[in-house]
């Protein structure tokens, strides 16, 4: 039983797409995605430096485009020229962390790639704008007892914006409150400030929620062909309308990746494949789902091994 997972913001690195553009058809796809998102993804995926691609308005479309390109190269390299479709993965479910949930929505069949990229372009710009309204940020709290970590975050007036499982919770909110948490961390924890522009998945993103909701109102959506395991509560979503509602609400609400992993276990998943830019989610699975095999799709040179992994774990009805 296979699940395909899609990473979120922070996974991007300079030159991420350079090797992928050597795969026939993918350059044309990237140009189409760039036009839909209104972001120069060709430059940002090849020559832009780390500071440039850290910008929320750049990072989010870049990450979603990378996932869609790598999935196409993995499952349907001969169909790469058909820029507004992606192959249906032979998986029991798909999921994405934060903005990666838009990648998951597109590969589930709920959105076309163009629709996903247009909405992510809006989302990235709106969240970047919301981040500039107040000095906020995010810090990872690593280790400790979950109940003590969550209590400490609440005591400082912060939000547990990402509850990732495997001993990792991300606190978000006012910079002074984050500094106070770092100065007096919960027992047996480390507090690590993250290089992000603002307090994502909190009430500070309210203006971004409205912008995305307005854009999503005109989006064409279908019911997913493959269920999407939701960041909200780990439930499988099979309604396109419900998925859109959850994607909009997600901007100002916590990501519960711990519940997503619990759902993978309940589904009997035997293999987790993470799309590009991979590493973060298979790392969490290594600690949270120790009996599940994992594969991090990296460069095009890993495609053959990735196809063998998919073949070994794909759903029986695929």
C-alpha atoms as a PDB file:
ATOM      1  CA  UNK A   1       0.000   0.000   0.000  1.00  0.00           C
ATOM      2  CA  UNK A   2       1.590   3.216  -1.231  1.00  0.00           C
ATOM      3  CA  UNK A   3       1.090   6.813  -0.145  1.00  0.00           C
ATOM      4  CA  UNK A   4       2.701   9.729  -1.989  1.00  0.00           C
ATOM      5  CA  UNK A   5       3.583  12.774   0.100  1.00  0.00           C
ATOM      6  CA  UNK A   6       4.456  16.303  -0.954  1.00  0.00           C
ATOM      7  CA  UNK A   7       6.782  18.583   1.065  1.00  0.00           C
ATOM      8  CA  UNK A   8       6.081  22.095   2.278  1.00  0.00           C
ATOM      9  CA  UNK A   9       7.891  25.413   2.455  1.00  0.00           C
ATOM     10  CA  UNK A  10      11.481  25.304   3.653  1.00  0.00           C
ATOM     11  CA  UNK A  11      12.443  22.243   1.604  1.00  0.00           C
ATOM     12  CA  UNK A  12      13.559  24.296  -1.417  1.00  0.00           C
ATOM     13  CA  UNK A  13      17.262  24.655  -2.300  1.00  0.00           C
ATOM     14  CA  UNK A  14      19.062  26.688  -4.996  1.00  0.00           C
ATOM     15  CA  UNK A  15      19.285  24.951  -8.355  1.00  0.00           C
ATOM     16  CA  UNK A  16      16.516  22.557  -7.397  1.00  0.00           C
ATOM     17  CA  UNK A  17      15.132  22.131 -10.914  1.00  0.00           C
ATOM     18  CA  UNK A  18      18.325  22.311 -12.961  1.00  0.00           C
ATOM     19  CA  UNK A  19      18.705  18.534 -13.471  1.00  0.00           C
ATOM     20  CA  UNK A  20      14.984  18.024 -14.011  1.00  0.00           C
ATOM     21  CA  UNK A  21      14.905  20.376 -16.995  1.00  0.00           C
ATOM     22  CA  UNK A  22      17.045  17.871 -18.866  1.00  0.00           C
ATOM     23  CA  UNK A  23      14.072  15.477 -18.865  1.00  0.00           C
ATOM     24  CA  UNK A  24      12.225  15.900 -22.197  1.00  0.00           C
ATOM     25  CA  UNK A  25       9.021  17.909 -21.881  1.00  0.00           C
ATOM     26  CA  UNK A  26       9.547  19.235 -18.377  1.00  0.00           C
ATOM     27  CA  UNK A  27      10.855  22.649 -19.415  1.00  0.00           C
ATOM     28  CA  UNK A  28       7.609  23.326 -21.289  1.00  0.00           C
ATOM     29  CA  UNK A  29       5.627  22.212 -18.264  1.00  0.00           C
ATOM     30  CA  UNK A  30       7.583  24.521 -15.991  1.00  0.00           C
ATOM     31  CA  UNK A  31       6.986  27.466 -18.322  1.00  0.00           C
ATOM     32  CA  UNK A  32       3.242  26.742 -18.235  1.00  0.00           C
ATOM     33  CA  UNK A  33       3.296  26.503 -14.435  1.00  0.00           C
ATOM     34  CA  UNK A  34       5.222  29.783 -14.216  1.00  0.00           C
ATOM     35  CA  UNK A  35       2.652  31.546 -16.348  1.00  0.00           C
ATOM     36  CA  UNK A  36      -0.219  30.230 -14.228  1.00  0.00           C
ATOM     37  CA  UNK A  37       1.455  31.276 -10.962  1.00  0.00           C
ATOM     38  CA  UNK A  38       2.811  34.560 -12.360  1.00  0.00           C
ATOM     39  CA  UNK A  39       6.272  33.715 -10.994  1.00  0.00           C
ATOM     40  CA  UNK A  40       9.530  33.218 -12.944  1.00  0.00           C
ATOM     41  CA  UNK A  41       9.968  29.599 -11.935  1.00  0.00           C
ATOM     42  CA  UNK A  42      12.598  28.923 -14.593  1.00  0.00           C
ATOM     43  CA  UNK A  43      14.986  31.413 -12.991  1.00  0.00           C
ATOM     44  CA  UNK A  44      14.023  30.584  -9.420  1.00  0.00           C
ATOM     45  CA  UNK A  45      14.397  26.860 -10.011  1.00  0.00           C
ATOM     46  CA  UNK A  46      17.836  27.140 -11.586  1.00  0.00           C
ATOM     47  CA  UNK A  47      19.829  30.312 -10.864  1.00  0.00           C
ATOM     48  CA  UNK A  48      18.192  32.207  -7.978  1.00  0.00           C
ATOM     49  CA  UNK A  49      20.074  32.182  -4.672  1.00  0.00           C
ATOM     50  CA  UNK A  50      18.888  30.914  -1.293  1.00  0.00           C
ATOM     51  CA  UNK A  51      17.674  34.312  -0.075  1.00  0.00           C
ATOM     52  CA  UNK A  52      15.583  34.826  -3.209  1.00  0.00           C
ATOM     53  CA  UNK A  53      13.823  31.480  -3.049  1.00  0.00           C
ATOM     54  CA  UNK A  54      13.205  31.876   0.693  1.00  0.00           C
ATOM     55  CA  UNK A  55      10.652  34.571  -0.201  1.00  0.00           C
ATOM     56  CA  UNK A  56       7.233  33.064   0.510  1.00  0.00           C
ATOM     57  CA  UNK A  57       5.842  34.353  -2.793  1.00  0.00           C
ATOM     58  CA  UNK A  58       8.587  32.438  -4.630  1.00  0.00           C
ATOM     59  CA  UNK A  59       9.058  29.374  -2.438  1.00  0.00           C
ATOM     60  CA  UNK A  60       5.466  28.165  -2.479  1.00  0.00           C
ATOM     61  CA  UNK A  61       4.955  28.005  -6.274  1.00  0.00           C
ATOM     62  CA  UNK A  62       8.468  26.596  -6.687  1.00  0.00           C
ATOM     63  CA  UNK A  63       7.770  23.729  -4.298  1.00  0.00           C
ATOM     64  CA  UNK A  64       4.428  22.822  -5.873  1.00  0.00           C
ATOM     65  CA  UNK A  65       5.869  22.984  -9.398  1.00  0.00           C
ATOM     66  CA  UNK A  66       8.782  20.765  -8.345  1.00  0.00           C
ATOM     67  CA  UNK A  67       6.432  18.125  -6.994  1.00  0.00           C
ATOM     68  CA  UNK A  68       4.277  18.105 -10.122  1.00  0.00           C
ATOM     69  CA  UNK A  69       7.296  17.889 -12.425  1.00  0.00           C
ATOM     70  CA  UNK A  70       8.880  15.046 -10.495  1.00  0.00           C
ATOM     71  CA  UNK A  71       5.620  13.073 -10.376  1.00  0.00           C
ATOM     72  CA  UNK A  72       5.221  13.409 -14.152  1.00  0.00           C
ATOM     73  CA  UNK A  73       8.787  12.266 -14.753  1.00  0.00           C
ATOM     74  CA  UNK A  74       8.204   9.336 -12.411  1.00  0.00           C
ATOM     75  CA  UNK A  75       4.881   8.031 -13.719  1.00  0.00           C
ATOM     76  CA  UNK A  76       4.389   9.334 -17.254  1.00  0.00           C
ATOM     77  CA  UNK A  77       7.575  10.685 -18.890  1.00  0.00           C
ATOM     78  CA  UNK A  78       6.084  10.114 -22.367  1.00  0.00           C
ATOM     79  CA  UNK A  79       3.176  12.401 -21.512  1.00  0.00           C
ATOM     80  CA  UNK A  80       5.244  15.315 -20.250  1.00  0.00           C
ATOM     81  CA  UNK A  81       4.157  17.565 -23.113  1.00  0.00           C
ATOM     82  CA  UNK A  82       0.532  17.506 -21.925  1.00  0.00           C
ATOM     83  CA  UNK A  83       1.054  20.392 -19.526  1.00  0.00           C
ATOM     84  CA  UNK A  84      -2.389  20.532 -17.918  1.00  0.00           C
ATOM     85  CA  UNK A  85      -2.708  16.955 -16.723  1.00  0.00           C
ATOM     86  CA  UNK A  86      -0.723  14.864 -14.284  1.00  0.00           C
ATOM     87  CA  UNK A  87      -0.759  11.062 -14.029  1.00  0.00           C
ATOM     88  CA  UNK A  88      -2.951   9.500 -11.366  1.00  0.00           C
ATOM     89  CA  UNK A  89      -0.649   7.853  -8.827  1.00  0.00           C
ATOM     90  CA  UNK A  90      -1.180   4.161  -8.016  1.00  0.00           C
ATOM     91  CA  UNK A  91      -1.570   5.013  -4.333  1.00  0.00           C
ATOM     92  CA  UNK A  92      -4.097   4.401  -1.586  1.00  0.00           C
ATOM     93  CA  UNK A  93      -3.870   8.117  -0.727  1.00  0.00           C
ATOM     94  CA  UNK A  94      -1.855  11.290  -1.227  1.00  0.00           C
ATOM     95  CA  UNK A  95      -0.980  14.031   1.250  1.00  0.00           C
ATOM     96  CA  UNK A  96       1.033  17.228   1.452  1.00  0.00           C
ATOM     97  CA  UNK A  97       2.463  19.283   4.279  1.00  0.00           C
ATOM     98  CA  UNK A  98       1.150  22.865   4.282  1.00  0.00           C
ATOM     99  CA  UNK A  99       1.565  24.244   0.726  1.00  0.00           C
ATOM    100  CA  UNK A 100       2.357  20.687  -0.332  1.00  0.00           C
ATOM    101  CA  UNK A 101      -1.337  19.975   0.103  1.00  0.00           C
ATOM    102  CA  UNK A 102      -1.870  21.899  -3.147  1.00  0.00           C
ATOM    103  CA  UNK A 103       0.534  19.522  -4.877  1.00  0.00           C
ATOM    104  CA  UNK A 104      -1.445  16.637  -3.421  1.00  0.00           C
ATOM    105  CA  UNK A 105      -4.730  18.189  -4.586  1.00  0.00           C
ATOM    106  CA  UNK A 106      -3.426  18.426  -8.147  1.00  0.00           C
ATOM    107  CA  UNK A 107      -2.076  14.880  -8.275  1.00  0.00           C
ATOM    108  CA  UNK A 108      -5.329  13.597  -6.790  1.00  0.00           C
ATOM    109  CA  UNK A 109      -7.174  15.028  -9.793  1.00  0.00           C
ATOM    110  CA  UNK A 110      -9.120  17.646  -7.819  1.00  0.00           C
ATOM    111  CA  UNK A 111      -7.329  20.505  -9.606  1.00  0.00           C
ATOM    112  CA  UNK A 112      -5.594  20.817 -12.929  1.00  0.00           C
ATOM    113  CA  UNK A 113      -1.934  21.825 -12.572  1.00  0.00           C
ATOM    114  CA  UNK A 114      -2.786  25.294 -13.906  1.00  0.00           C
ATOM    115  CA  UNK A 115      -5.473  25.787 -11.268  1.00  0.00           C
ATOM    116  CA  UNK A 116      -3.192  24.584  -8.490  1.00  0.00           C
ATOM    117  CA  UNK A 117      -0.382  26.880  -9.642  1.00  0.00           C
ATOM    118  CA  UNK A 118      -2.696  29.890  -9.959  1.00  0.00           C
ATOM    119  CA  UNK A 119      -4.032  29.405  -6.441  1.00  0.00           C
ATOM    120  CA  UNK A 120      -0.569  28.830  -4.984  1.00  0.00           C
ATOM    121  CA  UNK A 121       0.666  32.010  -6.642  1.00  0.00           C
ATOM    122  CA  UNK A 122      -2.137  33.902  -4.890  1.00  0.00           C
ATOM    123  CA  UNK A 123      -1.486  32.083  -1.622  1.00  0.00           C
ATOM    124  CA  UNK A 124       2.243  32.818  -1.621  1.00  0.00           C
ATOM    125  CA  UNK A 125       1.841  36.509  -2.356  1.00  0.00           C
ATOM    126  CA  UNK A 126      -0.983  36.898   0.173  1.00  0.00           C
ATOM    127  CA  UNK A 127       0.926  35.117   2.945  1.00  0.00           C
ATOM    128  CA  UNK A 128       4.015  37.201   2.199  1.00  0.00           C
ATOM    129  CA  UNK A 129       1.877  40.326   2.510  1.00  0.00           C
ATOM    130  CA  UNK A 130       0.289  39.175   5.757  1.00  0.00           C
ATOM    131  CA  UNK A 131       3.731  38.417   7.178  1.00  0.00           C
ATOM    132  CA  UNK A 132       4.766  42.046   6.739  1.00  0.00           C
ATOM    133  CA  UNK A 133       1.943  43.407   8.869  1.00  0.00           C
ATOM    134  CA  UNK A 134       3.455  42.397  12.227  1.00  0.00           C
ATOM    135  CA  UNK A 135       6.865  41.039  13.349  1.00  0.00           C
ATOM    136  CA  UNK A 136       6.108  37.330  13.699  1.00  0.00           C
ATOM    137  CA  UNK A 137       7.935  34.087  13.107  1.00  0.00           C
ATOM    138  CA  UNK A 138       8.160  30.378  13.878  1.00  0.00           C
ATOM    139  CA  UNK A 139      10.390  28.143  16.020  1.00  0.00           C
ATOM    140  CA  UNK A 140      10.688  24.369  16.108  1.00  0.00           C
ATOM    141  CA  UNK A 141      10.429  22.773  19.540  1.00  0.00           C
ATOM    142  CA  UNK A 142      12.295  19.474  19.395  1.00  0.00           C
ATOM    143  CA  UNK A 143      11.894  16.712  21.991  1.00  0.00           C
ATOM    144  CA  UNK A 144      10.158  16.822  25.358  1.00  0.00           C
ATOM    145  CA  UNK A 145       6.768  15.499  26.417  1.00  0.00           C
ATOM    146  CA  UNK A 146       4.050  16.550  23.943  1.00  0.00           C
ATOM    147  CA  UNK A 147       1.653  17.769  26.624  1.00  0.00           C
ATOM    148  CA  UNK A 148       4.371  19.892  28.266  1.00  0.00           C
ATOM    149  CA  UNK A 149       5.468  21.343  24.932  1.00  0.00           C
ATOM    150  CA  UNK A 150       1.922  22.307  23.964  1.00  0.00           C
ATOM    151  CA  UNK A 151       1.286  23.808  27.399  1.00  0.00           C
ATOM    152  CA  UNK A 152       4.435  25.941  27.186  1.00  0.00           C
ATOM    153  CA  UNK A 153       3.490  27.188  23.720  1.00  0.00           C
ATOM    154  CA  UNK A 154       0.050  28.180  24.962  1.00  0.00           C
ATOM    155  CA  UNK A 155       1.479  29.879  28.071  1.00  0.00           C
ATOM    156  CA  UNK A 156       3.553  32.174  25.848  1.00  0.00           C
ATOM    157  CA  UNK A 157       0.522  33.140  23.749  1.00  0.00           C
ATOM    158  CA  UNK A 158       1.816  31.198  20.750  1.00  0.00           C
ATOM    159  CA  UNK A 159       0.162  28.732  18.380  1.00  0.00           C
ATOM    160  CA  UNK A 160       1.318  25.143  17.703  1.00  0.00           C
ATOM    161  CA  UNK A 161       1.272  25.829  13.955  1.00  0.00           C
ATOM    162  CA  UNK A 162       2.755  22.475  12.894  1.00  0.00           C
ATOM    163  CA  UNK A 163       2.265  19.399  15.066  1.00  0.00           C
ATOM    164  CA  UNK A 164       4.506  17.099  13.055  1.00  0.00           C
ATOM    165  CA  UNK A 165       4.814  14.070  15.317  1.00  0.00           C
ATOM    166  CA  UNK A 166       8.119  12.311  15.973  1.00  0.00           C
ATOM    167  CA  UNK A 167       8.933  14.831  18.719  1.00  0.00           C
ATOM    168  CA  UNK A 168       8.549  17.982  16.629  1.00  0.00           C
ATOM    169  CA  UNK A 169       6.147  20.873  17.174  1.00  0.00           C
ATOM    170  CA  UNK A 170       6.489  24.274  15.501  1.00  0.00           C
ATOM    171  CA  UNK A 171       5.414  27.279  17.559  1.00  0.00           C
ATOM    172  CA  UNK A 172       4.344  30.460  15.769  1.00  0.00           C
ATOM    173  CA  UNK A 173       3.439  33.995  16.729  1.00  0.00           C
ATOM    174  CA  UNK A 174       4.920  37.234  18.017  1.00  0.00           C
ATOM    175  CA  UNK A 175       8.727  37.417  17.841  1.00  0.00           C
ATOM    176  CA  UNK A 176       9.071  38.560  21.454  1.00  0.00           C
ATOM    177  CA  UNK A 177       6.969  35.631  22.644  1.00  0.00           C
ATOM    178  CA  UNK A 178       9.075  33.229  20.575  1.00  0.00           C
ATOM    179  CA  UNK A 179      12.217  34.672  22.127  1.00  0.00           C
ATOM    180  CA  UNK A 180      10.738  34.148  25.593  1.00  0.00           C
ATOM    181  CA  UNK A 181       9.945  30.521  24.742  1.00  0.00           C
ATOM    182  CA  UNK A 182      13.515  30.018  23.556  1.00  0.00           C
ATOM    183  CA  UNK A 183      14.867  31.534  26.770  1.00  0.00           C
ATOM    184  CA  UNK A 184      12.765  29.214  28.941  1.00  0.00           C
ATOM    185  CA  UNK A 185      12.162  26.054  26.885  1.00  0.00           C
ATOM    186  CA  UNK A 186      10.135  23.096  28.130  1.00  0.00           C
ATOM    187  CA  UNK A 187      12.108  20.346  29.845  1.00  0.00           C
ATOM    188  CA  UNK A 188      14.338  18.233  27.611  1.00  0.00           C
ATOM    189  CA  UNK A 189      13.681  20.303  24.479  1.00  0.00           C
ATOM    190  CA  UNK A 190      15.573  22.478  22.040  1.00  0.00           C
ATOM    191  CA  UNK A 191      13.919  25.562  20.541  1.00  0.00           C
ATOM    192  CA  UNK A 192      15.233  26.350  17.065  1.00  0.00           C
ATOM    193  CA  UNK A 193      14.136  29.574  15.290  1.00  0.00           C
ATOM    194  CA  UNK A 194      13.098  28.940  11.688  1.00  0.00           C
ATOM    195  CA  UNK A 195      14.032  31.108   8.736  1.00  0.00           C
ATOM    196  CA  UNK A 196      10.505  32.033   7.674  1.00  0.00           C
ATOM    197  CA  UNK A 197       8.845  35.373   7.064  1.00  0.00           C
ATOM    198  CA  UNK A 198       5.967  35.115   9.503  1.00  0.00           C
ATOM    199  CA  UNK A 199       3.594  33.104  11.669  1.00  0.00           C
ATOM    200  CA  UNK A 200       2.059  30.787   9.098  1.00  0.00           C
ATOM    201  CA  UNK A 201      -1.007  28.731  10.057  1.00  0.00           C
ATOM    202  CA  UNK A 202      -2.086  31.230  12.715  1.00  0.00           C
ATOM    203  CA  UNK A 203      -4.612  34.057  12.978  1.00  0.00           C
ATOM    204  CA  UNK A 204      -1.915  36.442  11.705  1.00  0.00           C
ATOM    205  CA  UNK A 205      -2.680  35.017   8.237  1.00  0.00           C
ATOM    206  CA  UNK A 206      -6.329  36.164   8.212  1.00  0.00           C
ATOM    207  CA  UNK A 207      -5.878  38.520   5.256  1.00  0.00           C
ATOM    208  CA  UNK A 208      -4.264  35.724   3.241  1.00  0.00           C
ATOM    209  CA  UNK A 209      -7.227  33.459   3.960  1.00  0.00           C
ATOM    210  CA  UNK A 210      -9.557  36.036   2.434  1.00  0.00           C
ATOM    211  CA  UNK A 211      -7.382  36.481  -0.670  1.00  0.00           C
ATOM    212  CA  UNK A 212      -7.169  32.736  -1.263  1.00  0.00           C
ATOM    213  CA  UNK A 213     -10.886  32.281  -0.624  1.00  0.00           C
ATOM    214  CA  UNK A 214     -11.655  34.939  -3.247  1.00  0.00           C
ATOM    215  CA  UNK A 215      -9.379  33.233  -5.785  1.00  0.00           C
ATOM    216  CA  UNK A 216     -10.710  29.756  -5.001  1.00  0.00           C
ATOM    217  CA  UNK A 217     -14.270  30.904  -5.653  1.00  0.00           C
ATOM    218  CA  UNK A 218     -13.655  30.814  -9.409  1.00  0.00           C
ATOM    219  CA  UNK A 219     -11.563  27.642  -9.444  1.00  0.00           C
ATOM    220  CA  UNK A 220     -12.784  24.522 -11.212  1.00  0.00           C
ATOM    221  CA  UNK A 221     -12.634  21.538  -8.895  1.00  0.00           C
ATOM    222  CA  UNK A 222     -13.450  17.847  -9.222  1.00  0.00           C
ATOM    223  CA  UNK A 223     -13.752  15.098  -6.663  1.00  0.00           C
ATOM    224  CA  UNK A 224     -10.303  13.553  -6.076  1.00  0.00           C
ATOM    225  CA  UNK A 225      -9.611  10.287  -7.898  1.00  0.00           C
ATOM    226  CA  UNK A 226      -7.268   9.403  -5.019  1.00  0.00           C
ATOM    227  CA  UNK A 227      -8.209  10.438  -1.449  1.00  0.00           C
ATOM    228  CA  UNK A 228      -6.284  13.349   0.058  1.00  0.00           C
ATOM    229  CA  UNK A 229      -5.311  12.913   3.707  1.00  0.00           C
ATOM    230  CA  UNK A 230      -6.046  16.309   5.213  1.00  0.00           C
ATOM    231  CA  UNK A 231      -3.679  18.470   7.260  1.00  0.00           C
ATOM    232  CA  UNK A 232      -6.587  19.481   9.464  1.00  0.00           C
ATOM    233  CA  UNK A 233      -7.353  16.151  11.108  1.00  0.00           C
ATOM    234  CA  UNK A 234      -5.807  13.304   9.123  1.00  0.00           C
ATOM    235  CA  UNK A 235      -9.145  12.427   7.526  1.00  0.00           C
ATOM    236  CA  UNK A 236      -9.409  11.177   3.950  1.00  0.00           C
ATOM    237  CA  UNK A 237     -11.105  13.803   1.772  1.00  0.00           C
ATOM    238  CA  UNK A 238     -12.955  12.569  -1.327  1.00  0.00           C
ATOM    239  CA  UNK A 239     -15.062  15.674  -2.064  1.00  0.00           C
ATOM    240  CA  UNK A 240     -13.524  18.414  -4.186  1.00  0.00           C
ATOM    241  CA  UNK A 241     -15.673  21.093  -2.576  1.00  0.00           C
ATOM    242  CA  UNK A 242     -14.641  19.998   0.909  1.00  0.00           C
ATOM    243  CA  UNK A 243     -10.992  19.846  -0.126  1.00  0.00           C
ATOM    244  CA  UNK A 244     -11.046  23.449  -1.352  1.00  0.00           C
ATOM    245  CA  UNK A 245     -12.645  24.599   1.894  1.00  0.00           C
ATOM    246  CA  UNK A 246      -9.938  22.850   3.893  1.00  0.00           C
ATOM    247  CA  UNK A 247      -7.144  24.274   1.725  1.00  0.00           C
ATOM    248  CA  UNK A 248      -8.395  27.803   2.331  1.00  0.00           C
ATOM    249  CA  UNK A 249      -8.875  27.319   6.077  1.00  0.00           C
ATOM    250  CA  UNK A 250      -5.460  25.668   6.389  1.00  0.00           C
ATOM    251  CA  UNK A 251      -3.674  28.996   5.852  1.00  0.00           C
ATOM    252  CA  UNK A 252      -4.606  30.208   9.347  1.00  0.00           C
ATOM    253  CA  UNK A 253      -4.960  26.861  11.132  1.00  0.00           C
ATOM    254  CA  UNK A 254      -2.402  24.331  12.398  1.00  0.00           C
ATOM    255  CA  UNK A 255      -0.987  21.559  10.232  1.00  0.00           C
ATOM    256  CA  UNK A 256      -1.536  18.225  12.003  1.00  0.00           C
ATOM    257  CA  UNK A 257       0.996  16.047  10.212  1.00  0.00           C
ATOM    258  CA  UNK A 258       1.017  13.750  13.243  1.00  0.00           C
ATOM    259  CA  UNK A 259      -2.605  12.862  12.480  1.00  0.00           C
ATOM    260  CA  UNK A 260      -1.769  12.363   8.809  1.00  0.00           C
ATOM    261  CA  UNK A 261       0.866   9.798   9.777  1.00  0.00           C
ATOM    262  CA  UNK A 262      -1.609   8.107  12.085  1.00  0.00           C
ATOM    263  CA  UNK A 263      -3.973   7.810   9.126  1.00  0.00           C
ATOM    264  CA  UNK A 264      -1.225   6.263   6.985  1.00  0.00           C
ATOM    265  CA  UNK A 265      -0.742   3.618   9.663  1.00  0.00           C
ATOM    266  CA  UNK A 266      -4.492   2.972   9.865  1.00  0.00           C
ATOM    267  CA  UNK A 267      -4.620   2.514   6.087  1.00  0.00           C
ATOM    268  CA  UNK A 268      -1.967  -0.167   6.290  1.00  0.00           C
ATOM    269  CA  UNK A 269       0.534   1.810   4.213  1.00  0.00           C
ATOM    270  CA  UNK A 270       3.715  -0.151   3.512  1.00  0.00           C
ATOM    271  CA  UNK A 271       5.606   2.480   1.487  1.00  0.00           C
ATOM    272  CA  UNK A 272       5.875   6.290   1.560  1.00  0.00           C
ATOM    273  CA  UNK A 273       7.334   8.095  -1.445  1.00  0.00           C
ATOM    274  CA  UNK A 274       8.147  11.792  -1.064  1.00  0.00           C
ATOM    275  CA  UNK A 275       8.207  13.996  -4.141  1.00  0.00           C
ATOM    276  CA  UNK A 276      10.793  16.707  -4.855  1.00  0.00           C
ATOM    277  CA  UNK A 277      12.151  18.546  -2.863  1.00  0.00           C
ATOM    278  CA  UNK A 278      12.267  15.487  -0.653  1.00  0.00           C
ATOM    279  CA  UNK A 279      13.740  14.606   2.723  1.00  0.00           C
ATOM    280  CA  UNK A 280      11.655  16.280   5.412  1.00  0.00           C
ATOM    281  CA  UNK A 281       8.583  14.039   5.386  1.00  0.00           C
ATOM    282  CA  UNK A 282      10.418  10.745   4.995  1.00  0.00           C
ATOM    283  CA  UNK A 283      12.572  11.931   7.911  1.00  0.00           C
ATOM    284  CA  UNK A 284       9.463  12.331  10.060  1.00  0.00           C
ATOM    285  CA  UNK A 285       8.213   8.939   8.896  1.00  0.00           C
ATOM    286  CA  UNK A 286      11.528   7.349   9.836  1.00  0.00           C
ATOM    287  CA  UNK A 287      10.836   8.283  13.448  1.00  0.00           C
ATOM    288  CA  UNK A 288       7.027   8.117  13.478  1.00  0.00           C
ATOM    289  CA  UNK A 289       6.338   5.135  11.179  1.00  0.00           C
ATOM    290  CA  UNK A 290       9.336   2.931  11.744  1.00  0.00           C
ATOM    291  CA  UNK A 291       7.890  -0.166  10.063  1.00  0.00           C
ATOM    292  CA  UNK A 292       6.993   1.643   6.823  1.00  0.00           C
ATOM    293  CA  UNK A 293       9.507   1.713   3.964  1.00  0.00           C
ATOM    294  CA  UNK A 294      10.457   5.140   2.643  1.00  0.00           C
ATOM    295  CA  UNK A 295      11.785   6.629  -0.586  1.00  0.00           C
ATOM    296  CA  UNK A 296      12.930  10.217  -1.127  1.00  0.00           C
ATOM    297  CA  UNK A 297      12.764  11.098  -4.826  1.00  0.00           C
ATOM    298  CA  UNK A 298      15.821  13.284  -5.427  1.00  0.00           C
ATOM    299  CA  UNK A 299      17.270  13.850  -8.900  1.00  0.00           C
ATOM    300  CA  UNK A 300      16.360  12.203 -12.209  1.00  0.00           C
ATOM    301  CA  UNK A 301      19.039   9.600 -11.477  1.00  0.00           C
ATOM    302  CA  UNK A 302      16.754   8.167  -8.764  1.00  0.00           C
ATOM    303  CA  UNK A 303      13.757   7.644 -11.064  1.00  0.00           C
ATOM    304  CA  UNK A 304      14.388   3.987 -11.871  1.00  0.00           C
ATOM    305  CA  UNK A 305      14.723   3.084  -8.196  1.00  0.00           C
ATOM    306  CA  UNK A 306      11.607   5.156  -7.422  1.00  0.00           C
ATOM    307  CA  UNK A 307       9.606   3.292 -10.085  1.00  0.00           C
ATOM    308  CA  UNK A 308      10.670  -0.014  -8.560  1.00  0.00           C
ATOM    309  CA  UNK A 309       9.559   1.273  -5.135  1.00  0.00           C
ATOM    310  CA  UNK A 310       6.160   2.275  -6.536  1.00  0.00           C
ATOM    311  CA  UNK A 311       5.765  -1.109  -8.206  1.00  0.00           C
ATOM    312  CA  UNK A 312       6.546  -2.882  -4.949  1.00  0.00           C
ATOM    313  CA  UNK A 313       4.054  -0.901  -2.872  1.00  0.00           C
ATOM    314  CA  UNK A 314       1.328   0.281  -5.238  1.00  0.00           C
ATOM    315  CA  UNK A 315      -2.297  -0.325  -4.322  1.00  0.00           C
ATOM    316  CA  UNK A 316      -3.826  -3.546  -5.596  1.00  0.00           C
ATOM    317  CA  UNK A 317      -6.606  -1.699  -7.438  1.00  0.00           C
ATOM    318  CA  UNK A 318      -4.191   0.670  -9.211  1.00  0.00           C
END
